[in-house]
Each structure stands twice: as C-alpha cells, then as structure tokens.
Amino acid sequence: MSDYLSELESFWDEFAEDYEAIQQESTLPIAQDLREFLFTQELLPCHTFLDLAGGTGRYIPALQTAVKEYDLVDISEKMLQIAAAKSAEHVRLIKQTQEPFLAQNKHRYDLVFSAMNPALQSQSDLLAFYHISRNWCLLLRVIKDEDQLFSPYEEVNPDLALNERYKSFLAELHIPFQTKKFSYTSYEMISRDFFQAYFADTFAPAELVPITQKIFGTTHEKLNQSMIEFELIYFQVVK
C-alpha cells in the first residue's frame, strides 16, 4: 500500500467513531426512503449487492433484509468494526481500497451502490464501478446542504457538485440514467452568541458586528431553516 493510502486509512480509522456519532445523531430517514424507492422501482429485492465505500454501514439496517448476499467494502478497519455490529450473517465486510477491488472484476453484482464516496472522482472510476455490476448501478450524494443563517457567509462545498460530474461522464459514455431526489427540511433556534462564536475566526469584529445585526436585529434568537437534498443517480448496465 502506498504512503498516501496508508495515511488515508489512518485518517478514516481515527475518524470512525466521530463519523458514526454524526450518523447516529442524524434524524434524516434517507436510508429507509431509499429502500422504499428501490422497491417501487423493483430494483429490490436482489440476490447480490455491493455497498462500495460503505463506511460504518449506514445503509445496512435498511437494505440487508432485501438482499441475499450483501458485500460492504471500505478502506478502514475501524469503520468495518462498527459496521459489523449492524450486520446480519449474510453481510460480508471487506477491507480493501476501491481501485484494486473494482479491478479484480471476478465477481459481478446484481446491484452496486455507493453513497457519498470521496474516492469516486474520474470517468475511469465510474467505468470500473459500472463494469462490476451485471444489472443496476446506484450513486447517492448530497447535492444541497444549506440553511438561512450560516450558508450565505460560508464557502460552498465543491463535493456538492460531484453528481453533475457523474452525469457528464455518463452522457459522454452514452449511458442513459435516471435521477431521484430526497429532500428534507429542519428548524432550529440559533442564538446571537452562538452565531458570533461560530464566525469568530472567519470575520474580524468590525465585519461580524454588522452581519450579526442584520440577521438578529434586536432579538437574541432566530429560527434557522436548514435544507438538505440527496440525489440518487441510477442506471442499468447494457447487456
């Protein structure tokens, strides 16, 4: 394994527990909503299923009962240990990096799935992902993650545009695809003090004071609306 991959593995191992805590704190029913959609499209149930870069197994509880053989692949041993606690006997946890796993091509799956995969970047990555499936491919990403109070003053995460890159690759490869969006809205009261502390290292006091005044006026708290949108890109392998 290269030094880069070793560092990457160490990063995800160290982040695994915090990553799982973030997942557990999320109240978004995306896993269950995805399951229901896949059933309506008759993509589930299936026999063999690949969860590529599956991390701590966020989608295992929702999907494993609809699959006879569920393989989850991830680079992090710590991630896989957490995923093991959610897994039934027919779930196989595989510690391997993406490129060599996809390159082996000895086993093809009825359905291949990857959610929020940071390693799926290039057209060649997408083609390798496509070729390990014998039926359907599913790519799930967050394409919008914004709120009313903080987002106007933050940089946009470039990963939110990755699905558009995938669509361009698929169009260039003449692979037809479909999309499905899952949108969620939540509300939270934010205090003036919290807002100022959050941006204390981003703006100088002379900049932050008028921003805070514009948002809060004479009030101490403000209701913040947050919006997150997932997009599923799904496409069938040409036989």
C-alpha atoms as a PDB file:
ATOM      1  CA  MET A   1       0.000   0.000   0.000  1.00  0.00           C
ATOM      2  CA  SER A   2       1.334   3.453  -0.902  1.00  0.00           C
ATOM      3  CA  ASP A   3       2.123   6.090   1.721  1.00  0.00           C
ATOM      4  CA  TYR A   4      -0.912   8.063   0.540  1.00  0.00           C
ATOM      5  CA  LEU A   5      -3.279   5.133   1.027  1.00  0.00           C
ATOM      6  CA  SER A   6      -1.753   4.318   4.402  1.00  0.00           C
ATOM      7  CA  GLU A   7      -2.339   7.907   5.522  1.00  0.00           C
ATOM      8  CA  LEU A   8      -5.878   7.759   4.142  1.00  0.00           C
ATOM      9  CA  GLU A   9      -6.588   4.548   6.027  1.00  0.00           C
ATOM     10  CA  SER A  10      -5.211   6.056   9.247  1.00  0.00           C
ATOM     11  CA  PHE A  11      -7.364   9.156   8.781  1.00  0.00           C
ATOM     12  CA  TRP A  12     -10.579   7.155   8.433  1.00  0.00           C
ATOM     13  CA  ASP A  13      -9.624   4.831  11.291  1.00  0.00           C
ATOM     14  CA  GLU A  14      -9.143   7.820  13.586  1.00  0.00           C
ATOM     15  CA  PHE A  15     -12.341   9.467  12.373  1.00  0.00           C
ATOM     16  CA  ALA A  16     -14.501   6.322  12.515  1.00  0.00           C
ATOM     17  CA  GLU A  17     -16.071   6.811  15.951  1.00  0.00           C
ATOM     18  CA  ASP A  18     -16.804  10.501  15.363  1.00  0.00           C
ATOM     19  CA  TYR A  19     -18.187   9.666  11.911  1.00  0.00           C
ATOM     20  CA  GLU A  20     -20.539   7.093  13.389  1.00  0.00           C
ATOM     21  CA  ALA A  21     -21.633   9.537  16.101  1.00  0.00           C
ATOM     22  CA  ILE A  22     -22.550  12.055  13.397  1.00  0.00           C
ATOM     23  CA  GLN A  23     -24.526   9.391  11.543  1.00  0.00           C
ATOM     24  CA  GLN A  24     -26.375   8.373  14.701  1.00  0.00           C
ATOM     25  CA  GLU A  25     -27.262  11.981  15.509  1.00  0.00           C
ATOM     26  CA  SER A  26     -28.843  12.444  12.087  1.00  0.00           C
ATOM     27  CA  THR A  27     -32.626  12.096  12.082  1.00  0.00           C
ATOM     28  CA  LEU A  28     -32.870  12.049   8.295  1.00  0.00           C
ATOM     29  CA  PRO A  29     -34.711   8.920   7.103  1.00  0.00           C
ATOM     30  CA  ILE A  30     -32.689   8.714   3.889  1.00  0.00           C
ATOM     31  CA  ALA A  31     -31.844   5.005   4.272  1.00  0.00           C
ATOM     32  CA  GLN A  32     -35.478   3.991   4.719  1.00  0.00           C
ATOM     33  CA  ASP A  33     -36.673   6.349   1.992  1.00  0.00           C
ATOM     34  CA  LEU A  34     -34.065   4.924  -0.372  1.00  0.00           C
ATOM     35  CA  ARG A  35     -35.210   1.383   0.429  1.00  0.00           C
ATOM     36  CA  GLU A  36     -38.846   2.250  -0.284  1.00  0.00           C
ATOM     37  CA  PHE A  37     -37.936   3.905  -3.582  1.00  0.00           C
ATOM     38  CA  LEU A  38     -35.847   0.930  -4.722  1.00  0.00           C
ATOM     39  CA  PHE A  39     -38.775  -1.368  -4.011  1.00  0.00           C
ATOM     40  CA  THR A  40     -41.159   0.822  -6.002  1.00  0.00           C
ATOM     41  CA  GLN A  41     -38.709   0.687  -8.932  1.00  0.00           C
ATOM     42  CA  GLU A  42     -38.374  -3.104  -8.500  1.00  0.00           C
ATOM     43  CA  LEU A  43     -34.604  -2.832  -8.032  1.00  0.00           C
ATOM     44  CA  LEU A  44     -35.039  -4.578  -4.697  1.00  0.00           C
ATOM     45  CA  PRO A  45     -35.110  -7.304  -3.616  1.00  0.00           C
ATOM     46  CA  CYS A  46     -31.981  -8.648  -5.294  1.00  0.00           C
ATOM     47  CA  HIS A  47     -29.557 -11.511  -4.805  1.00  0.00           C
ATOM     48  CA  THR A  48     -26.106  -9.838  -4.749  1.00  0.00           C
ATOM     49  CA  PHE A  49     -25.483  -6.274  -3.562  1.00  0.00           C
ATOM     50  CA  LEU A  50     -22.295  -4.206  -3.279  1.00  0.00           C
ATOM     51  CA  ASP A  51     -22.007  -1.253  -0.880  1.00  0.00           C
ATOM     52  CA  LEU A  52     -18.783   0.424  -2.043  1.00  0.00           C
ATOM     53  CA  ALA A  53     -17.011   2.711   0.453  1.00  0.00           C
ATOM     54  CA  GLY A  54     -19.770   1.737   2.865  1.00  0.00           C
ATOM     55  CA  GLY A  55     -18.038   3.145   5.953  1.00  0.00           C
ATOM     56  CA  THR A  56     -19.768   2.274   9.202  1.00  0.00           C
ATOM     57  CA  GLY A  57     -22.731   0.732   7.386  1.00  0.00           C
ATOM     58  CA  ARG A  58     -25.340   3.474   7.468  1.00  0.00           C
ATOM     59  CA  TYR A  59     -27.470   1.659   4.869  1.00  0.00           C
ATOM     60  CA  ILE A  60     -27.039  -1.892   6.187  1.00  0.00           C
ATOM     61  CA  PRO A  61     -30.047  -1.906   8.583  1.00  0.00           C
ATOM     62  CA  ALA A  62     -32.428  -0.655   5.891  1.00  0.00           C
ATOM     63  CA  LEU A  63     -31.195  -2.714   2.943  1.00  0.00           C
ATOM     64  CA  GLN A  64     -29.772  -6.001   4.214  1.00  0.00           C
ATOM     65  CA  THR A  65     -33.158  -7.684   4.639  1.00  0.00           C
ATOM     66  CA  ALA A  66     -33.852  -7.179   0.919  1.00  0.00           C
ATOM     67  CA  VAL A  67     -30.571  -8.757  -0.188  1.00  0.00           C
ATOM     68  CA  LYS A  68     -29.349 -12.374  -0.052  1.00  0.00           C
ATOM     69  CA  GLU A  69     -25.627 -11.548  -0.288  1.00  0.00           C
ATOM     70  CA  TYR A  70     -24.521  -8.094   0.891  1.00  0.00           C
ATOM     71  CA  ASP A  71     -20.852  -7.077   0.460  1.00  0.00           C
ATOM     72  CA  LEU A  72     -19.589  -3.856   2.049  1.00  0.00           C
ATOM     73  CA  VAL A  73     -16.130  -2.640   1.021  1.00  0.00           C
ATOM     74  CA  ASP A  74     -14.145   0.022   2.848  1.00  0.00           C
ATOM     75  CA  ILE A  75     -10.511   1.001   3.403  1.00  0.00           C
ATOM     76  CA  SER A  76     -10.908   1.448   7.177  1.00  0.00           C
ATOM     77  CA  GLU A  77     -10.743  -1.465   9.621  1.00  0.00           C
ATOM     78  CA  LYS A  78     -12.302   0.696  12.336  1.00  0.00           C
ATOM     79  CA  MET A  79     -15.223   1.593  10.087  1.00  0.00           C
ATOM     80  CA  LEU A  80     -15.801  -2.077   9.344  1.00  0.00           C
ATOM     81  CA  GLN A  81     -15.729  -2.976  13.043  1.00  0.00           C
ATOM     82  CA  ILE A  82     -18.586  -0.542  13.647  1.00  0.00           C
ATOM     83  CA  ALA A  83     -20.456  -1.837  10.593  1.00  0.00           C
ATOM     84  CA  ALA A  84     -20.134  -5.398  11.928  1.00  0.00           C
ATOM     85  CA  ALA A  85     -22.430  -4.586  14.848  1.00  0.00           C
ATOM     86  CA  LYS A  86     -25.225  -3.784  12.374  1.00  0.00           C
ATOM     87  CA  SER A  87     -24.675  -6.744  10.088  1.00  0.00           C
ATOM     88  CA  ALA A  88     -26.559  -9.998   9.736  1.00  0.00           C
ATOM     89  CA  GLU A  89     -24.764 -13.225   8.843  1.00  0.00           C
ATOM     90  CA  HIS A  90     -25.161 -12.715   5.102  1.00  0.00           C
ATOM     91  CA  VAL A  91     -23.272  -9.381   5.177  1.00  0.00           C
ATOM     92  CA  ARG A  92     -19.615  -9.717   4.246  1.00  0.00           C
ATOM     93  CA  LEU A  93     -17.268  -6.902   5.295  1.00  0.00           C
ATOM     94  CA  ILE A  94     -14.251  -6.477   3.012  1.00  0.00           C
ATOM     95  CA  LYS A  95     -11.241  -4.313   3.880  1.00  0.00           C
ATOM     96  CA  GLN A  96      -9.806  -3.087   0.595  1.00  0.00           C
ATOM     97  CA  THR A  97      -9.223   0.092  -1.353  1.00  0.00           C
ATOM     98  CA  GLN A  98     -11.538   0.922  -4.211  1.00  0.00           C
ATOM     99  CA  GLU A  99      -9.263   0.628  -7.237  1.00  0.00           C
ATOM    100  CA  PRO A 100      -7.928  -2.919  -6.719  1.00  0.00           C
ATOM    101  CA  PHE A 101     -11.333  -4.168  -5.605  1.00  0.00           C
ATOM    102  CA  LEU A 102     -13.040  -2.888  -8.747  1.00  0.00           C
ATOM    103  CA  ALA A 103     -10.152  -4.052 -10.931  1.00  0.00           C
ATOM    104  CA  GLN A 104     -10.394  -7.677  -9.792  1.00  0.00           C
ATOM    105  CA  ASN A 105     -13.739  -7.989 -11.637  1.00  0.00           C
ATOM    106  CA  LYS A 106     -14.039 -11.672 -10.663  1.00  0.00           C
ATOM    107  CA  HIS A 107     -17.442 -11.184  -9.124  1.00  0.00           C
ATOM    108  CA  ARG A 108     -20.210  -9.016 -10.544  1.00  0.00           C
ATOM    109  CA  TYR A 109     -23.212  -7.876  -8.552  1.00  0.00           C
ATOM    110  CA  ASP A 110     -26.896  -7.518  -9.349  1.00  0.00           C
ATOM    111  CA  LEU A 111     -26.831  -4.055  -7.813  1.00  0.00           C
ATOM    112  CA  VAL A 112     -23.843  -1.850  -6.986  1.00  0.00           C
ATOM    113  CA  PHE A 113     -24.316   1.133  -4.694  1.00  0.00           C
ATOM    114  CA  SER A 114     -22.128   3.899  -3.337  1.00  0.00           C
ATOM    115  CA  ALA A 115     -23.155   6.807  -1.133  1.00  0.00           C
ATOM    116  CA  MET A 116     -21.043   9.907  -0.589  1.00  0.00           C
ATOM    117  CA  ASN A 117     -17.965   8.142  -1.949  1.00  0.00           C
ATOM    118  CA  PRO A 118     -14.943  10.514  -1.802  1.00  0.00           C
ATOM    119  CA  ALA A 119     -12.839   8.198  -3.994  1.00  0.00           C
ATOM    120  CA  LEU A 120     -15.213   8.131  -6.963  1.00  0.00           C
ATOM    121  CA  GLN A 121     -13.922  11.104  -8.930  1.00  0.00           C
ATOM    122  CA  SER A 122     -12.938  10.279 -12.501  1.00  0.00           C
ATOM    123  CA  GLN A 123     -14.577   8.799 -15.568  1.00  0.00           C
ATOM    124  CA  SER A 124     -12.361   5.723 -15.225  1.00  0.00           C
ATOM    125  CA  ASP A 125     -13.587   5.310 -11.618  1.00  0.00           C
ATOM    126  CA  LEU A 126     -17.163   5.450 -12.862  1.00  0.00           C
ATOM    127  CA  LEU A 127     -16.487   2.927 -15.622  1.00  0.00           C
ATOM    128  CA  ALA A 128     -14.917   0.490 -13.155  1.00  0.00           C
ATOM    129  CA  PHE A 129     -17.974   0.932 -10.929  1.00  0.00           C
ATOM    130  CA  TYR A 130     -20.217   0.258 -13.936  1.00  0.00           C
ATOM    131  CA  HIS A 131     -18.340  -2.864 -15.001  1.00  0.00           C
ATOM    132  CA  ILE A 132     -18.614  -4.600 -11.634  1.00  0.00           C
ATOM    133  CA  SER A 133     -22.406  -4.608 -11.982  1.00  0.00           C
ATOM    134  CA  ARG A 134     -24.415  -7.026 -14.067  1.00  0.00           C
ATOM    135  CA  ASN A 135     -27.649  -5.102 -13.714  1.00  0.00           C
ATOM    136  CA  TRP A 136     -28.032  -1.748 -11.899  1.00  0.00           C
ATOM    137  CA  CYS A 137     -25.721   0.980 -10.549  1.00  0.00           C
ATOM    138  CA  LEU A 138     -26.728   3.469  -7.844  1.00  0.00           C
ATOM    139  CA  LEU A 139     -24.868   6.639  -6.860  1.00  0.00           C
ATOM    140  CA  LEU A 140     -26.187   8.694  -3.940  1.00  0.00           C
ATOM    141  CA  ARG A 141     -24.854  12.088  -2.901  1.00  0.00           C
ATOM    142  CA  VAL A 142     -25.927  15.232  -1.088  1.00  0.00           C
ATOM    143  CA  ILE A 143     -26.377  17.941  -3.729  1.00  0.00           C
ATOM    144  CA  LYS A 144     -27.720  20.701  -1.474  1.00  0.00           C
ATOM    145  CA  ASP A 145     -26.873  21.406   2.153  1.00  0.00           C
ATOM    146  CA  GLU A 146     -27.751  24.923   3.199  1.00  0.00           C
ATOM    147  CA  ASP A 147     -29.519  26.999   5.806  1.00  0.00           C
ATOM    148  CA  GLN A 148     -30.796  30.535   6.086  1.00  0.00           C
ATOM    149  CA  LEU A 149     -28.357  31.964   8.649  1.00  0.00           C
ATOM    150  CA  PHE A 150     -24.929  30.405   8.101  1.00  0.00           C
ATOM    151  CA  SER A 151     -24.752  29.379   4.438  1.00  0.00           C
ATOM    152  CA  PRO A 152     -24.753  32.924   2.983  1.00  0.00           C
ATOM    153  CA  TYR A 153     -21.424  33.524   4.745  1.00  0.00           C
ATOM    154  CA  GLU A 154     -19.750  30.138   4.091  1.00  0.00           C
ATOM    155  CA  GLU A 155     -17.921  28.730   1.094  1.00  0.00           C
ATOM    156  CA  VAL A 156     -19.847  26.198  -0.979  1.00  0.00           C
ATOM    157  CA  ASN A 157     -18.599  22.627  -0.608  1.00  0.00           C
ATOM    158  CA  PRO A 158     -17.314  21.550  -4.061  1.00  0.00           C
ATOM    159  CA  ASP A 159     -18.380  17.943  -3.368  1.00  0.00           C
ATOM    160  CA  LEU A 160     -21.998  19.085  -3.742  1.00  0.00           C
ATOM    161  CA  ALA A 161     -21.343  19.282  -7.487  1.00  0.00           C
ATOM    162  CA  LEU A 162     -19.977  15.755  -7.897  1.00  0.00           C
ATOM    163  CA  ASN A 163     -23.266  14.351  -9.140  1.00  0.00           C
ATOM    164  CA  GLU A 164     -23.188  16.824 -12.025  1.00  0.00           C
ATOM    165  CA  ARG A 165     -19.747  15.485 -12.911  1.00  0.00           C
ATOM    166  CA  TYR A 166     -21.097  11.923 -12.863  1.00  0.00           C
ATOM    167  CA  LYS A 167     -23.923  12.948 -15.179  1.00  0.00           C
ATOM    168  CA  SER A 168     -21.435  14.486 -17.612  1.00  0.00           C
ATOM    169  CA  PHE A 169     -19.361  11.289 -17.590  1.00  0.00           C
ATOM    170  CA  LEU A 170     -22.447   9.158 -18.219  1.00  0.00           C
ATOM    171  CA  ALA A 171     -23.544  11.403 -21.081  1.00  0.00           C
ATOM    172  CA  GLU A 172     -20.074  11.177 -22.656  1.00  0.00           C
ATOM    173  CA  LEU A 173     -20.202   7.382 -22.325  1.00  0.00           C
ATOM    174  CA  HIS A 174     -23.728   7.280 -23.798  1.00  0.00           C
ATOM    175  CA  ILE A 175     -25.085   5.546 -20.712  1.00  0.00           C
ATOM    176  CA  PRO A 176     -28.717   6.539 -20.048  1.00  0.00           C
ATOM    177  CA  PHE A 177     -29.508   7.384 -16.432  1.00  0.00           C
ATOM    178  CA  GLN A 178     -32.367   8.471 -14.217  1.00  0.00           C
ATOM    179  CA  THR A 179     -32.442  10.524 -11.023  1.00  0.00           C
ATOM    180  CA  LYS A 180     -34.479  10.710  -7.840  1.00  0.00           C
ATOM    181  CA  LYS A 181     -34.233  13.453  -5.215  1.00  0.00           C
ATOM    182  CA  PHE A 182     -34.890  13.133  -1.494  1.00  0.00           C
ATOM    183  CA  SER A 183     -35.385  16.483   0.265  1.00  0.00           C
ATOM    184  CA  TYR A 184     -35.537  17.231   3.987  1.00  0.00           C
ATOM    185  CA  THR A 185     -36.167  20.437   5.940  1.00  0.00           C
ATOM    186  CA  SER A 186     -35.492  21.075   9.615  1.00  0.00           C
ATOM    187  CA  TYR A 187     -35.677  24.026  12.004  1.00  0.00           C
ATOM    188  CA  GLU A 188     -33.531  25.098  14.969  1.00  0.00           C
ATOM    189  CA  MET A 189     -33.337  28.164  17.184  1.00  0.00           C
ATOM    190  CA  ILE A 190     -29.908  29.844  16.946  1.00  0.00           C
ATOM    191  CA  SER A 191     -28.704  32.363  19.493  1.00  0.00           C
ATOM    192  CA  ARG A 192     -26.845  35.561  18.673  1.00  0.00           C
ATOM    193  CA  ASP A 193     -23.951  34.450  20.895  1.00  0.00           C
ATOM    194  CA  PHE A 194     -23.613  31.099  19.121  1.00  0.00           C
ATOM    195  CA  PHE A 195     -23.663  32.766  15.703  1.00  0.00           C
ATOM    196  CA  GLN A 196     -20.915  35.187  16.702  1.00  0.00           C
ATOM    197  CA  ALA A 197     -18.779  32.433  18.234  1.00  0.00           C
ATOM    198  CA  TYR A 198     -19.190  30.294  15.113  1.00  0.00           C
ATOM    199  CA  PHE A 199     -17.819  33.025  12.826  1.00  0.00           C
ATOM    200  CA  ALA A 200     -15.292  34.474  15.281  1.00  0.00           C
ATOM    201  CA  ASP A 201     -12.340  33.029  13.349  1.00  0.00           C
ATOM    202  CA  THR A 202     -13.833  33.849   9.943  1.00  0.00           C
ATOM    203  CA  PHE A 203     -14.599  37.556  10.246  1.00  0.00           C
ATOM    204  CA  ALA A 204     -12.934  40.432  12.041  1.00  0.00           C
ATOM    205  CA  PRO A 205     -15.121  42.027  14.739  1.00  0.00           C
ATOM    206  CA  ALA A 206     -15.747  45.042  12.541  1.00  0.00           C
ATOM    207  CA  GLU A 207     -17.185  42.732   9.868  1.00  0.00           C
ATOM    208  CA  LEU A 208     -19.058  40.381  12.179  1.00  0.00           C
ATOM    209  CA  VAL A 209     -20.975  43.038  14.122  1.00  0.00           C
ATOM    210  CA  PRO A 210     -22.978  44.390  11.149  1.00  0.00           C
ATOM    211  CA  ILE A 211     -23.626  40.845   9.868  1.00  0.00           C
ATOM    212  CA  THR A 212     -24.990  39.820  13.259  1.00  0.00           C
ATOM    213  CA  GLN A 213     -27.069  42.977  13.489  1.00  0.00           C
ATOM    214  CA  LYS A 214     -28.529  42.388  10.025  1.00  0.00           C
ATOM    215  CA  ILE A 215     -29.646  38.872  10.960  1.00  0.00           C
ATOM    216  CA  PHE A 216     -30.748  39.245  14.578  1.00  0.00           C
ATOM    217  CA  GLY A 217     -31.665  42.908  14.850  1.00  0.00           C
ATOM    218  CA  THR A 218     -32.757  43.419  18.455  1.00  0.00           C
ATOM    219  CA  THR A 219     -33.613  39.739  19.074  1.00  0.00           C
ATOM    220  CA  HIS A 220     -31.433  37.254  20.946  1.00  0.00           C
ATOM    221  CA  GLU A 221     -32.523  34.200  18.940  1.00  0.00           C
ATOM    222  CA  LYS A 222     -33.518  33.457  15.362  1.00  0.00           C
ATOM    223  CA  LEU A 223     -35.237  30.431  13.832  1.00  0.00           C
ATOM    224  CA  ASN A 224     -32.940  28.824  11.292  1.00  0.00           C
ATOM    225  CA  GLN A 225     -34.315  26.693   8.469  1.00  0.00           C
ATOM    226  CA  SER A 226     -31.963  24.033   7.105  1.00  0.00           C
ATOM    227  CA  MET A 227     -32.429  22.210   3.825  1.00  0.00           C
ATOM    228  CA  ILE A 228     -30.609  19.081   2.691  1.00  0.00           C
ATOM    229  CA  GLU A 229     -31.215  17.306  -0.585  1.00  0.00           C
ATOM    230  CA  PHE A 230     -29.892  13.927  -1.695  1.00  0.00           C
ATOM    231  CA  GLU A 231     -29.879  12.876  -5.317  1.00  0.00           C
ATOM    232  CA  LEU A 232     -29.783   9.279  -6.496  1.00  0.00           C
ATOM    233  CA  ILE A 233     -28.389   8.615  -9.971  1.00  0.00           C
ATOM    234  CA  TYR A 234     -29.370   5.163 -11.156  1.00  0.00           C
ATOM    235  CA  PHE A 235     -28.590   3.452 -14.436  1.00  0.00           C
ATOM    236  CA  GLN A 236     -28.727  -0.031 -15.892  1.00  0.00           C
ATOM    237  CA  VAL A 237     -25.861  -1.945 -17.406  1.00  0.00           C
ATOM    238  CA  VAL A 238     -26.224  -2.530 -21.138  1.00  0.00           C
ATOM    239  CA  LYS A 239     -26.298  -6.269 -21.743  1.00  0.00           C
END
